[in-house]
Protein backbone atom coordinates (compact mmCIF):
# COMPACT_ATOMS: atom_id res chain seq x y z
CA UNK A 1 126.42 90.43 105.80
CA UNK A 2 122.67 90.37 105.76
CA UNK A 3 122.48 93.74 104.40
CA UNK A 4 124.68 92.81 101.43
CA UNK A 5 122.71 89.78 100.88
CA UNK A 6 119.47 91.70 100.84
CA UNK A 7 120.82 94.32 98.53
CA UNK A 8 121.86 91.73 96.02
CA UNK A 9 118.92 89.24 96.18
CA UNK A 10 115.88 91.07 97.29
CA UNK A 11 114.10 93.09 94.83
CA UNK A 12 113.20 96.75 95.57
CA UNK A 13 109.64 96.12 94.57
CA UNK A 14 109.48 93.49 97.49
CA UNK A 15 109.96 96.20 100.08
CA UNK A 16 107.67 98.62 98.21
CA UNK A 17 104.83 96.11 98.33
CA UNK A 18 105.53 95.22 102.00
CA UNK A 19 105.18 99.00 102.79
CA UNK A 20 102.00 99.31 100.73
CA UNK A 21 100.58 96.34 102.61
CA UNK A 22 101.45 98.04 105.83
CA UNK A 23 99.74 101.17 105.04
CA UNK A 24 96.64 99.66 103.61
CA UNK A 25 96.21 96.84 106.12
CA UNK A 26 92.82 96.89 107.83
CA UNK A 27 91.24 94.46 110.34
CA UNK A 28 88.25 93.33 108.14
CA UNK A 29 86.69 90.01 109.42
CA UNK A 30 90.04 89.25 111.38
CA UNK A 31 90.06 89.07 115.09
CA UNK A 32 92.15 91.80 116.85
CA UNK A 33 94.94 89.25 117.57
CA UNK A 34 95.07 88.08 114.01
CA UNK A 35 95.30 91.72 112.69
CA UNK A 36 97.97 92.60 115.21
CA UNK A 37 100.03 89.60 114.31
CA UNK A 38 99.65 90.25 110.56
CA UNK A 39 100.84 93.85 111.17
CA UNK A 40 103.77 92.72 113.22
CA UNK A 41 104.82 90.26 110.51
CA UNK A 42 104.63 92.93 107.85
CA UNK A 43 106.70 95.35 109.88
CA UNK A 44 109.46 92.65 110.64
CA UNK A 45 109.74 91.60 107.00
CA UNK A 46 110.05 95.09 105.90
CA UNK A 47 112.53 95.94 108.51
CA UNK A 48 110.78 98.93 109.71
CA UNK A 49 112.00 100.62 112.75
CA UNK A 50 109.38 103.07 113.99
CA UNK A 51 108.44 104.47 117.40
CA UNK A 52 105.88 102.30 119.36
CA UNK A 53 103.49 105.43 119.34
CA UNK A 54 103.42 105.25 115.44
CA UNK A 55 102.70 101.51 115.52
CA UNK A 56 99.91 101.93 117.96
CA UNK A 57 98.48 104.62 115.90
CA UNK A 58 98.63 102.52 112.64
CA UNK A 59 97.14 99.64 114.50
CA UNK A 60 94.20 101.62 115.79
CA UNK A 61 93.67 103.31 112.47
CA UNK A 62 93.07 99.86 110.95
CA UNK A 63 90.65 98.57 113.52
CA UNK A 64 87.00 98.39 112.66
CA UNK A 65 85.09 101.45 113.91
CA UNK A 66 83.37 99.58 116.83
CA UNK A 67 86.50 98.29 118.05
CA UNK A 68 88.33 101.73 117.62
CA UNK A 69 85.51 103.55 119.57
CA UNK A 70 86.02 100.99 122.46
CA UNK A 71 89.72 101.15 122.41
CA UNK A 72 89.76 104.96 122.44
CA UNK A 73 87.78 104.88 125.68
CA UNK A 74 90.42 102.72 127.38
CA UNK A 75 93.67 103.84 129.02
CA UNK A 76 96.58 102.28 127.43
CA UNK A 77 100.36 103.18 127.43
CA UNK A 78 101.97 100.21 125.62
CA UNK A 79 100.96 98.46 122.45
CA UNK A 80 100.37 95.24 124.33
CA UNK A 81 97.94 97.10 126.78
CA UNK A 82 96.02 98.18 123.99
CA UNK A 83 95.79 94.59 122.31
CA UNK A 84 95.74 92.13 125.27
CA UNK A 85 92.33 93.01 126.57
CA UNK A 86 90.60 92.56 122.98
CA UNK A 87 92.11 89.42 121.53
CA UNK A 88 88.84 87.52 121.01
CA UNK A 89 86.93 90.58 119.37
CA UNK A 90 86.08 89.76 115.83
CA UNK A 91 85.61 92.37 113.25
CA UNK A 92 82.23 93.45 112.29
């Protein structure tokens, strides 16, 4: 039922714009937690079903360079492991 309603009432441009926002999303001056939450919201709205490794890579790619360097030195397996220990880090 949801799929039928989406096809009928949601414009194709809406999903295209969401995918573009997901692709171009960057941390900027947002905290890691805010950036992660915004990415998850876009992914849920666009109904994207992707592997967690792809999502982690996408998230890591959008971090500011200083935070990316710190995260790459850490050991993480899950997305939450990568994000949980950095929630108060502000973008630089």
